[in-house]
Protein backbone atom coordinates (compact mmCIF):
# COMPACT_ATOMS: atom_id res chain seq x y z
CA UNK A 1 31.64 104.48 63.75
CA UNK A 2 35.29 103.98 64.74
CA UNK A 3 37.31 106.76 63.18
CA UNK A 4 40.13 107.46 65.59
CA UNK A 5 42.73 104.71 65.59
CA UNK A 6 46.46 105.29 65.18
CA UNK A 7 49.32 102.82 64.67
CA UNK A 8 52.79 104.35 64.86
CA UNK A 9 56.41 103.22 65.07
CA UNK A 10 58.26 104.74 68.01
CA UNK A 11 62.06 104.74 67.61
CA UNK A 12 63.89 104.19 70.90
CA UNK A 13 67.52 103.67 71.86
CA UNK A 14 67.30 99.85 71.93
CA UNK A 15 64.73 99.24 69.19
CA UNK A 16 61.48 100.23 67.52
CA UNK A 17 58.23 99.96 69.49
CA UNK A 18 54.80 99.69 67.93
CA UNK A 19 52.31 102.24 69.27
CA UNK A 20 48.57 101.63 69.23
CA UNK A 21 46.12 104.39 70.09
CA UNK A 22 42.33 104.06 70.19
CA UNK A 23 40.43 107.26 70.89
CA UNK A 24 37.79 106.52 73.53
CA UNK A 25 35.17 108.97 74.80
CA UNK A 26 37.33 110.93 77.26
CA UNK A 27 40.92 109.67 76.96
CA UNK A 28 42.78 107.49 74.47
CA UNK A 29 43.60 103.84 75.13
CA UNK A 30 47.36 103.57 74.53
CA UNK A 31 49.80 100.67 74.21
CA UNK A 32 53.48 100.67 73.23
CA UNK A 33 54.78 97.19 72.36
CA UNK A 34 58.43 96.17 72.34
CA UNK A 35 59.88 92.74 71.46
CA UNK A 36 59.63 91.27 74.97
CA UNK A 37 56.81 93.26 76.56
CA UNK A 38 54.60 96.30 76.49
CA UNK A 39 53.76 99.57 78.19
CA UNK A 40 50.08 100.19 78.89
CA UNK A 41 47.95 103.12 79.96
CA UNK A 42 45.53 103.15 82.88
CA UNK A 43 42.67 101.65 80.84
CA UNK A 44 44.37 98.24 80.94
CA UNK A 45 44.89 95.80 83.82
CA UNK A 46 48.31 94.51 84.86
CA UNK A 47 46.64 91.59 86.69
CA UNK A 48 45.38 90.24 83.36
CA UNK A 49 48.86 90.60 81.83
CA UNK A 50 50.33 88.88 84.89
CA UNK A 51 47.94 85.91 84.55
CA UNK A 52 49.10 85.55 80.94
CA UNK A 53 52.76 85.82 82.05
CA UNK A 54 53.30 88.90 79.88
CA UNK A 55 55.97 91.49 80.62
CA UNK A 56 53.89 94.63 81.08
CA UNK A 57 54.25 97.97 82.82
CA UNK A 58 51.61 100.62 83.46
CA UNK A 59 51.68 104.41 83.34
CA UNK A 60 48.69 106.62 84.16
CA UNK A 61 47.45 110.10 83.32
CA UNK A 62 48.72 109.96 79.74
CA UNK A 63 47.15 111.15 76.49
CA UNK A 64 49.93 110.61 73.94
CA UNK A 65 52.78 108.22 73.18
CA UNK A 66 55.19 110.98 74.23
CA UNK A 67 53.39 111.25 77.58
CA UNK A 68 53.82 107.49 78.03
CA UNK A 69 57.56 107.68 77.45
CA UNK A 70 57.96 110.45 80.05
CA UNK A 71 55.54 109.09 82.67
CA UNK A 72 56.71 107.05 85.65
CA UNK A 73 55.89 103.36 85.86
CA UNK A 74 53.26 102.74 88.56
CA UNK A 75 52.95 98.93 88.18
CA UNK A 76 55.00 96.17 86.58
CA UNK A 77 54.31 92.45 86.22
CA UNK A 78 56.81 89.90 87.55
CA UNK A 79 57.85 89.15 83.95
CA UNK A 80 58.61 92.85 83.39
CA UNK A 81 60.52 93.03 86.68
CA UNK A 82 62.60 90.06 85.52
CA UNK A 83 63.68 92.24 82.57
CA UNK A 84 64.71 95.03 84.96
CA UNK A 85 61.54 97.15 84.84
CA UNK A 86 60.71 98.80 88.16
CA UNK A 87 58.06 101.27 89.35
CA UNK A 88 59.42 104.82 89.31
CA UNK A 89 61.45 104.50 86.10
CA UNK A 90 60.17 106.28 83.00
CA UNK A 91 58.16 104.53 80.32
CA UNK A 92 61.05 104.99 77.91
CA UNK A 93 63.49 103.35 80.33
CA UNK A 94 61.07 100.46 80.80
CA UNK A 95 60.51 99.95 77.08
CA UNK A 96 64.25 99.95 76.39
CA UNK A 97 64.55 97.03 78.86
CA UNK A 98 61.90 95.14 76.86
CA UNK A 99 64.01 94.77 73.70
């Protein structure tokens, strides 16, 4: 029975992101969506987002939305890079470029 799902608004400097959290067995599956793209945790695949021409960036080792905002980007799709997202910036910096 699915009992651990959270949807939350995350207020950022440039806009309001929608946070989705699904509690899996060991770690949560996390996504933060802005108007033009999204930030994903390590459960998800940037290659799939790239094939769909989505602006997506990945952070790893995170358990909360706050962790995602502080973590460094490890991968970004070409569409995300076109918005100014680069590996090494924080999740919050990346999301603010996706509004």
